[in-house]
Amino acid sequence: MTSFQTRVVHAGLQADPTYRSVIPAIHQTSTYAQPRPGEFVADYDYARSANPTRAALERALGELEGGRAVCFSSGLAAEHALITAVCEAGSHVVMPGDLYGGTFRLVDKVLSRWGLAHTLVDQRELDALTAAIAPATRLVWVETPTNPLLNVVEIPSVVARSGDALVAVDNTFATPVNQRPLELGADFVVHSTTKYLGGHSDVVGGVVVTRSEEWYDRLRFVQNSIGAVPGPFDCFLVHRGLRTLAVRMAAHARSAAAVVELLRSLDGVSDVRWPGFSGMVSFRHPDAARIASRTRLFTLAESLGGVESLIEVPQAMTHQSVEGSAAAVAPDLVRLSCGIEEPADLVDDLRAAYDGST
């Protein structure tokens, strides 16, 4: 079997049948000509239902995560589609004790109005997880590492404690380079393809992957029914970014390791967290906002996973929607997305920002 690094370069690539181009064409179309009413090629009758450029990306993502992929216009659109496919009014979802603010907002502020209940629990505490499972629990939603505290959750242990509930894992921070949840027993894996999979901060998208043909068909039905599909050029950009995923993730990890070494040496910096892979790092400092405002190479911005480094204060930025809940984030927390720049330059940038705030 070929290595992951080789597979990620070739995933989803099929030579164009007409001109033999190596890279799949961008099929920028809204519809397809039919020779006779109701007769068309494969699934291609209307571009909301299917598009060859999207299909190429879905093949690639399915190959890398070990299942069948369904792409959406954003990570949250993918989450919405999965939850609505799996749950109904009266269902219950168990979610992480710390999690992406957009996921919490979707469930707590939108889907709860349609009868979906939820419980937040630290999924590292397996007894607490077991206690949170109820007869109506339909889905256990996992982030690992979590956002923004970077807690690592053992997926097989969660699966073993979930009973009849399905398990979905947000794999955005780890990527299939470091973790493949379907191989660990999860029913679904979700990504914001905006982040590491696209990798260049120039596209928004999402995906759900499953091994189950039944759930794949249900997700395709929801995809077509809701219509939150990515455009062809968006799919092309994610697929292009995907081919360098393995080498980028190694570079992100090198940057993060250097930054973590610095942070652990600085007075006043506490609770430095890094899962040991990926480029995501968090730490706490009383002058979090000032440090975040003084960096030069780390851009003060939301999002993550691009080749350039980003810095943010989650409490004031990506996690405002969890304020007042059990998932609320401390104001002294800083989250870094370490890019692929020269690690020594990133270290110098953070040290200068730290020195300027003390």
Protein backbone atom coordinates (compact mmCIF):
# COMPACT_ATOMS: atom_id res chain seq x y z
CA MET A 1 0.00 0.00 0.00
CA THR A 2 1.37 3.43 -0.91
CA SER A 3 2.21 5.93 1.83
CA PHE A 4 -0.19 8.65 2.88
CA GLN A 5 2.09 11.34 1.44
CA THR A 6 1.88 9.68 -1.97
CA ARG A 7 -1.85 9.10 -1.74
CA VAL A 8 -2.58 12.71 -0.80
CA VAL A 9 -0.79 13.91 -3.95
CA HIS A 10 -2.80 11.64 -6.23
CA ALA A 11 -6.18 11.48 -4.44
CA GLY A 12 -9.12 12.23 -6.70
CA LEU A 13 -7.00 12.83 -9.79
CA GLN A 14 -8.30 11.25 -12.97
CA ALA A 15 -7.00 12.39 -16.33
CA ASP A 16 -9.53 14.41 -18.31
CA PRO A 17 -11.21 12.01 -20.77
CA THR A 18 -11.23 14.52 -23.63
CA TYR A 19 -7.87 16.32 -23.48
CA ARG A 20 -5.99 14.13 -20.93
CA SER A 21 -5.18 17.08 -18.68
CA VAL A 22 -3.58 15.89 -15.44
CA ILE A 23 -5.52 18.36 -13.28
CA PRO A 24 -9.34 18.05 -13.31
CA ALA A 25 -11.13 20.78 -15.20
CA ILE A 26 -13.21 23.44 -13.47
CA HIS A 27 -16.77 22.78 -14.63
CA GLN A 28 -18.19 26.25 -14.10
CA THR A 29 -21.75 25.46 -15.09
CA SER A 30 -25.18 25.54 -13.53
CA THR A 31 -26.80 22.89 -15.73
CA TYR A 32 -26.14 20.16 -18.32
CA ALA A 33 -27.61 19.47 -21.77
CA GLN A 34 -29.93 16.45 -21.96
CA PRO A 35 -30.32 14.60 -25.26
CA ARG A 36 -33.81 13.49 -24.24
CA PRO A 37 -36.03 14.48 -21.28
CA GLY A 38 -34.76 12.88 -18.10
CA GLU A 39 -31.68 11.37 -19.77
CA PHE A 40 -28.30 12.63 -18.58
CA VAL A 41 -24.76 11.51 -17.77
CA ALA A 42 -24.26 9.98 -14.30
CA ASP A 43 -25.69 12.40 -11.71
CA TYR A 44 -25.21 15.48 -13.84
CA ASP A 45 -28.62 16.99 -14.48
CA TYR A 46 -28.27 20.17 -12.40
CA ALA A 47 -25.19 21.56 -10.64
CA ARG A 48 -26.72 21.74 -7.17
CA SER A 49 -27.15 17.98 -7.35
CA ALA A 50 -23.72 17.19 -8.77
CA ASN A 51 -20.71 18.79 -10.42
CA PRO A 52 -17.62 17.00 -11.82
CA THR A 53 -15.20 19.35 -10.03
CA ARG A 54 -16.98 18.76 -6.74
CA ALA A 55 -17.05 15.03 -7.41
CA ALA A 56 -13.27 15.01 -7.89
CA LEU A 57 -12.78 16.68 -4.51
CA GLU A 58 -15.25 14.33 -2.85
CA ARG A 59 -13.38 11.33 -4.25
CA ALA A 60 -10.11 12.72 -2.93
CA LEU A 61 -11.41 13.44 0.57
CA GLY A 62 -13.13 10.07 0.73
CA GLU A 63 -9.91 8.30 -0.22
CA LEU A 64 -7.91 10.13 2.47
CA GLU A 65 -10.38 9.62 5.31
CA GLY A 66 -11.36 6.09 4.30
CA GLY A 67 -15.00 6.59 3.38
CA ARG A 68 -17.34 8.46 1.05
CA ALA A 69 -17.35 12.25 1.18
CA VAL A 70 -20.09 14.84 0.73
CA CYS A 71 -18.93 18.45 0.34
CA PHE A 72 -20.66 21.62 1.50
CA SER A 73 -20.26 25.38 1.22
CA SER A 74 -18.70 25.73 4.70
CA GLY A 75 -17.74 23.68 7.72
CA LEU A 76 -20.89 24.81 9.50
CA ALA A 77 -23.03 23.86 6.51
CA ALA A 78 -21.48 20.37 6.74
CA GLU A 79 -22.24 20.22 10.47
CA HIS A 80 -25.81 21.38 9.92
CA ALA A 81 -26.36 18.76 7.22
CA LEU A 82 -24.97 15.96 9.37
CA ILE A 83 -26.97 16.89 12.48
CA THR A 84 -30.20 17.29 10.54
CA ALA A 85 -29.61 13.98 8.74
CA VAL A 86 -29.01 12.12 12.00
CA CYS A 87 -31.31 13.89 14.47
CA GLU A 88 -34.95 14.91 14.71
CA ALA A 89 -37.12 16.91 17.13
CA GLY A 90 -36.62 15.44 20.59
CA SER A 91 -33.14 14.10 19.87
CA HIS A 92 -30.22 14.76 22.19
CA VAL A 93 -26.59 15.52 21.28
CA VAL A 94 -23.55 15.25 23.58
CA MET A 95 -20.91 17.86 22.74
CA PRO A 96 -17.45 18.70 24.08
CA GLY A 97 -17.01 20.86 27.16
CA ASP A 98 -14.89 23.21 25.07
CA LEU A 99 -15.67 23.50 21.40
CA TYR A 100 -15.75 25.75 18.37
CA GLY A 101 -18.09 28.66 19.00
CA GLY A 102 -19.87 28.23 15.69
CA THR A 103 -20.82 24.64 16.51
CA PHE A 104 -22.24 25.72 19.87
CA ARG A 105 -24.16 28.58 18.25
CA LEU A 106 -25.63 26.28 15.60
CA VAL A 107 -26.93 23.79 18.17
CA ASP A 108 -27.77 26.10 21.06
CA LYS A 109 -29.22 29.07 19.16
CA VAL A 110 -30.64 27.53 15.98
CA LEU A 111 -31.37 23.80 16.21
CA SER A 112 -32.56 23.94 19.82
CA ARG A 113 -35.54 25.96 18.53
CA TRP A 114 -36.52 22.86 16.53
CA GLY A 115 -36.44 20.55 19.54
CA LEU A 116 -32.79 19.43 19.66
CA ALA A 117 -31.37 19.11 23.20
CA HIS A 118 -27.67 19.08 24.05
CA THR A 119 -25.27 18.45 26.92
CA LEU A 120 -21.69 19.71 27.22
CA VAL A 121 -19.21 17.32 28.80
CA ASP A 122 -15.43 16.94 29.04
CA GLN A 123 -15.10 13.84 26.87
CA ARG A 124 -11.75 12.94 28.41
CA GLU A 125 -13.76 12.04 31.52
CA LEU A 126 -15.29 8.80 30.29
CA ASP A 127 -17.55 8.29 33.29
CA ALA A 128 -18.97 11.79 32.77
CA LEU A 129 -19.51 10.98 29.11
CA THR A 130 -21.34 7.77 29.99
CA ALA A 131 -23.54 9.66 32.45
CA ALA A 132 -24.42 12.20 29.76
CA ILE A 133 -25.74 9.55 27.35
CA ALA A 134 -29.54 9.42 27.54
CA PRO A 135 -32.18 7.31 25.76
CA ALA A 136 -32.72 10.19 23.32
CA THR A 137 -29.00 10.66 22.59
CA ARG A 138 -28.62 10.29 18.86
CA LEU A 139 -25.18 11.78 18.33
CA VAL A 140 -21.93 12.27 20.23
CA TRP A 141 -20.04 15.18 18.71
CA VAL A 142 -16.28 15.05 19.26
CA GLU A 143 -13.53 17.56 18.64
CA THR A 144 -10.00 16.34 19.05
CA PRO A 145 -7.96 18.37 19.56
CA THR A 146 -10.65 20.65 20.92
CA ASN A 147 -11.04 24.28 19.93
CA PRO A 148 -9.58 26.35 21.53
CA LEU A 149 -8.05 24.48 24.51
CA LEU A 150 -6.47 21.71 22.39
CA ASN A 151 -7.57 18.87 24.64
CA VAL A 152 -6.99 15.45 23.04
CA VAL A 153 -9.88 12.99 23.24
CA GLU A 154 -9.41 9.26 22.77
CA ILE A 155 -11.81 8.42 19.95
CA PRO A 156 -11.99 4.62 20.51
CA SER A 157 -12.84 5.20 24.18
CA VAL A 158 -15.64 7.60 23.26
CA VAL A 159 -16.99 5.14 20.71
CA ALA A 160 -16.97 2.37 23.34
CA ARG A 161 -18.94 4.53 25.79
CA SER A 162 -21.49 5.93 23.30
CA GLY A 163 -23.93 3.03 23.31
CA ASP A 164 -26.38 3.26 20.44
CA ALA A 165 -25.49 6.89 19.69
CA LEU A 166 -23.57 7.68 16.52
CA VAL A 167 -20.15 9.34 16.83
CA ALA A 168 -19.01 12.26 14.66
CA VAL A 169 -15.48 13.66 14.92
CA ASP A 170 -14.46 17.14 13.83
CA ASN A 171 -10.99 16.38 12.43
CA THR A 172 -10.22 19.91 11.27
CA PHE A 173 -7.27 20.50 13.62
CA ALA A 174 -5.61 17.09 13.21
CA THR A 175 -6.33 16.35 9.51
CA PRO A 176 -6.08 12.83 8.09
CA VAL A 177 -2.28 13.22 8.13
CA ASN A 178 -2.35 12.76 11.91
CA GLN A 179 -5.68 11.08 12.65
CA ARG A 180 -8.31 9.15 10.71
CA PRO A 181 -11.40 8.85 12.93
CA LEU A 182 -13.27 6.36 10.76
CA GLU A 183 -10.42 3.90 11.27
CA LEU A 184 -10.86 4.40 15.03
CA GLY A 185 -14.52 3.50 15.04
CA ALA A 186 -16.27 6.84 14.45
CA ASP A 187 -19.33 6.92 12.19
CA PHE A 188 -18.60 10.31 10.63
CA VAL A 189 -15.66 12.65 10.20
CA VAL A 190 -16.17 16.36 9.56
CA HIS A 191 -13.81 19.07 8.34
CA SER A 192 -13.89 22.73 7.69
CA THR A 193 -11.98 22.47 4.41
CA THR A 194 -11.40 26.20 4.80
CA LYS A 195 -8.58 25.35 7.19
CA TYR A 196 -5.70 22.89 6.72
CA LEU A 197 -7.18 20.95 3.81
CA GLY A 198 -7.42 24.05 1.63
CA GLY A 199 -4.41 25.46 3.42
CA HIS A 200 -4.09 28.90 1.83
CA SER A 201 -6.80 31.06 3.45
CA ASP A 202 -8.48 31.63 0.09
CA VAL A 203 -11.58 29.42 0.19
CA VAL A 204 -14.47 28.43 2.46
CA GLY A 205 -15.86 24.90 2.50
CA GLY A 206 -16.78 21.82 4.51
CA VAL A 207 -17.12 18.05 4.20
CA VAL A 208 -18.68 15.04 5.93
CA VAL A 209 -17.20 11.58 5.33
CA THR A 210 -18.76 8.23 6.29
CA ARG A 211 -18.14 4.56 5.57
CA SER A 212 -21.85 3.75 5.61
CA GLU A 213 -23.55 3.68 2.21
CA GLU A 214 -26.88 4.35 3.91
CA TRP A 215 -25.62 7.46 5.67
CA TYR A 216 -23.80 8.58 2.53
CA ASP A 217 -27.07 8.42 0.59
CA ARG A 218 -28.86 10.35 3.34
CA LEU A 219 -26.17 13.02 3.38
CA ARG A 220 -26.32 13.35 -0.40
CA PHE A 221 -30.09 13.75 -0.12
CA VAL A 222 -29.67 16.54 2.46
CA GLN A 223 -26.92 18.15 0.37
CA ASN A 224 -29.23 18.32 -2.63
CA SER A 225 -32.31 19.29 -0.62
CA ILE A 226 -30.70 22.13 1.33
CA GLY A 227 -28.41 23.23 -1.48
CA ALA A 228 -25.48 24.48 0.62
CA VAL A 229 -22.96 23.26 -1.97
CA PRO A 230 -19.51 24.67 -2.75
CA GLY A 231 -18.93 26.25 -6.13
CA PRO A 232 -16.66 24.57 -8.68
CA PHE A 233 -13.80 27.00 -8.21
CA ASP A 234 -13.95 26.56 -4.43
CA CYS A 235 -13.70 22.80 -4.93
CA PHE A 236 -10.77 23.27 -7.30
CA LEU A 237 -8.93 25.39 -4.72
CA VAL A 238 -9.42 22.87 -1.91
CA HIS A 239 -8.33 20.01 -4.15
CA ARG A 240 -5.25 21.95 -5.23
CA GLY A 241 -4.36 22.68 -1.62
CA LEU A 242 -4.95 19.08 -0.61
CA ARG A 243 -2.04 17.83 -2.71
CA THR A 244 0.53 19.55 -0.46
CA LEU A 245 -1.22 18.64 2.82
CA ALA A 246 1.39 16.17 4.09
CA VAL A 247 4.38 18.45 3.58
CA ARG A 248 2.50 21.46 4.95
CA MET A 249 1.44 19.66 8.12
CA ALA A 250 5.06 18.68 8.81
CA ALA A 251 6.11 22.31 8.41
CA HIS A 252 3.26 23.54 10.64
CA ALA A 253 4.38 21.12 13.35
CA ARG A 254 8.00 22.32 13.13
CA SER A 255 6.85 25.91 13.59
CA ALA A 256 4.62 24.99 16.51
CA ALA A 257 7.38 23.06 18.28
CA ALA A 258 9.71 26.07 18.12
CA VAL A 259 7.02 28.44 19.35
CA VAL A 260 6.08 26.15 22.23
CA GLU A 261 9.71 25.98 23.37
CA LEU A 262 9.79 29.78 23.54
CA LEU A 263 6.45 30.14 25.30
CA ARG A 264 7.41 27.67 28.02
CA SER A 265 10.46 29.80 28.83
CA LEU A 266 8.62 33.12 29.29
CA ASP A 267 7.60 34.48 32.68
CA GLY A 268 3.88 35.11 32.98
CA VAL A 269 2.96 32.66 30.23
CA SER A 270 1.00 29.68 31.54
CA ASP A 271 -0.95 26.65 30.35
CA VAL A 272 0.93 26.26 27.07
CA ARG A 273 -0.83 23.61 25.00
CA TRP A 274 0.15 21.79 21.83
CA PRO A 275 -1.00 18.26 20.95
CA GLY A 276 2.40 17.39 19.46
CA PHE A 277 1.25 17.66 15.85
CA SER A 278 -0.41 20.28 13.67
CA GLY A 279 0.25 23.99 14.05
CA MET A 280 -2.29 24.83 16.73
CA VAL A 281 -0.95 26.22 20.02
CA SER A 282 -2.68 27.96 22.89
CA PHE A 283 -1.41 29.71 26.00
CA ARG A 284 -2.57 32.10 28.67
CA HIS A 285 -1.17 35.49 29.63
CA PRO A 286 -2.75 38.43 31.51
CA ASP A 287 -1.90 40.74 28.58
CA ALA A 288 -3.35 38.44 25.93
CA ALA A 289 -4.98 41.20 23.89
CA ARG A 290 -1.87 43.36 23.92
CA ILE A 291 0.41 40.53 22.82
CA ALA A 292 -1.98 39.58 20.04
CA SER A 293 -2.03 43.19 18.83
CA ARG A 294 1.76 43.55 18.70
CA THR A 295 2.84 40.69 16.44
CA ARG A 296 4.16 41.38 12.96
CA LEU A 297 4.33 37.96 11.27
CA PHE A 298 1.40 36.48 13.20
CA THR A 299 -1.62 38.24 11.69
CA LEU A 300 -4.40 39.11 14.13
CA ALA A 301 -7.30 37.30 12.49
CA GLU A 302 -9.86 34.56 12.93
CA SER A 303 -9.55 31.16 11.22
CA LEU A 304 -6.51 28.87 11.07
CA GLY A 305 -4.65 26.32 9.00
CA GLY A 306 -3.26 28.59 6.29
CA VAL A 307 0.39 28.75 5.30
CA GLU A 308 0.64 32.11 7.07
CA SER A 309 0.62 32.35 10.87
CA LEU A 310 -2.41 33.77 12.69
CA ILE A 311 -3.01 34.87 16.28
CA GLU A 312 -6.28 35.49 18.06
CA VAL A 313 -7.92 35.99 21.44
CA PRO A 314 -10.83 33.50 21.24
CA GLN A 315 -12.96 35.11 23.97
CA ALA A 316 -13.20 38.32 21.92
CA MET A 317 -13.17 36.73 18.49
CA THR A 318 -14.13 33.17 17.42
CA HIS A 319 -15.80 32.19 20.69
CA GLN A 320 -18.04 35.13 21.51
CA SER A 321 -21.07 32.90 20.98
CA VAL A 322 -20.17 30.69 23.98
CA GLU A 323 -20.11 33.59 26.47
CA GLY A 324 -22.34 32.86 29.42
CA SER A 325 -22.33 29.10 28.79
CA ALA A 326 -20.37 26.24 30.33
CA ALA A 327 -18.05 26.46 27.32
CA ALA A 328 -17.09 30.10 27.95
CA VAL A 329 -13.44 30.95 27.22
CA ALA A 330 -11.15 32.89 29.55
CA PRO A 331 -10.15 36.37 28.30
CA ASP A 332 -6.44 35.66 28.86
CA LEU A 333 -6.34 32.78 26.35
CA VAL A 334 -4.37 33.21 23.12
CA ARG A 335 -4.70 30.79 20.21
CA LEU A 336 -1.99 30.52 17.57
CA SER A 337 -2.14 28.95 14.14
CA CYS A 338 1.55 28.50 13.35
CA GLY A 339 2.19 28.68 9.64
CA ILE A 340 5.03 27.39 7.49
CA GLU A 341 7.34 30.39 7.78
CA GLU A 342 10.89 29.95 9.11
CA PRO A 343 10.30 28.87 12.74
CA ALA A 344 13.06 31.15 14.07
CA ASP A 345 11.29 34.16 12.56
CA LEU A 346 8.04 33.23 14.28
CA VAL A 347 9.86 32.83 17.58
CA ASP A 348 11.46 36.27 17.19
CA ASP A 349 8.08 37.79 16.35
CA LEU A 350 6.39 36.37 19.44
CA ARG A 351 9.31 37.27 21.69
CA ALA A 352 9.18 40.89 20.46
CA ALA A 353 5.38 41.03 21.04
CA TYR A 354 5.86 39.59 24.53
CA ASP A 355 8.68 42.02 25.38
CA GLY A 356 6.56 44.94 24.18
CA SER A 357 3.72 43.99 26.53
CA THR A 358 5.81 43.56 29.68
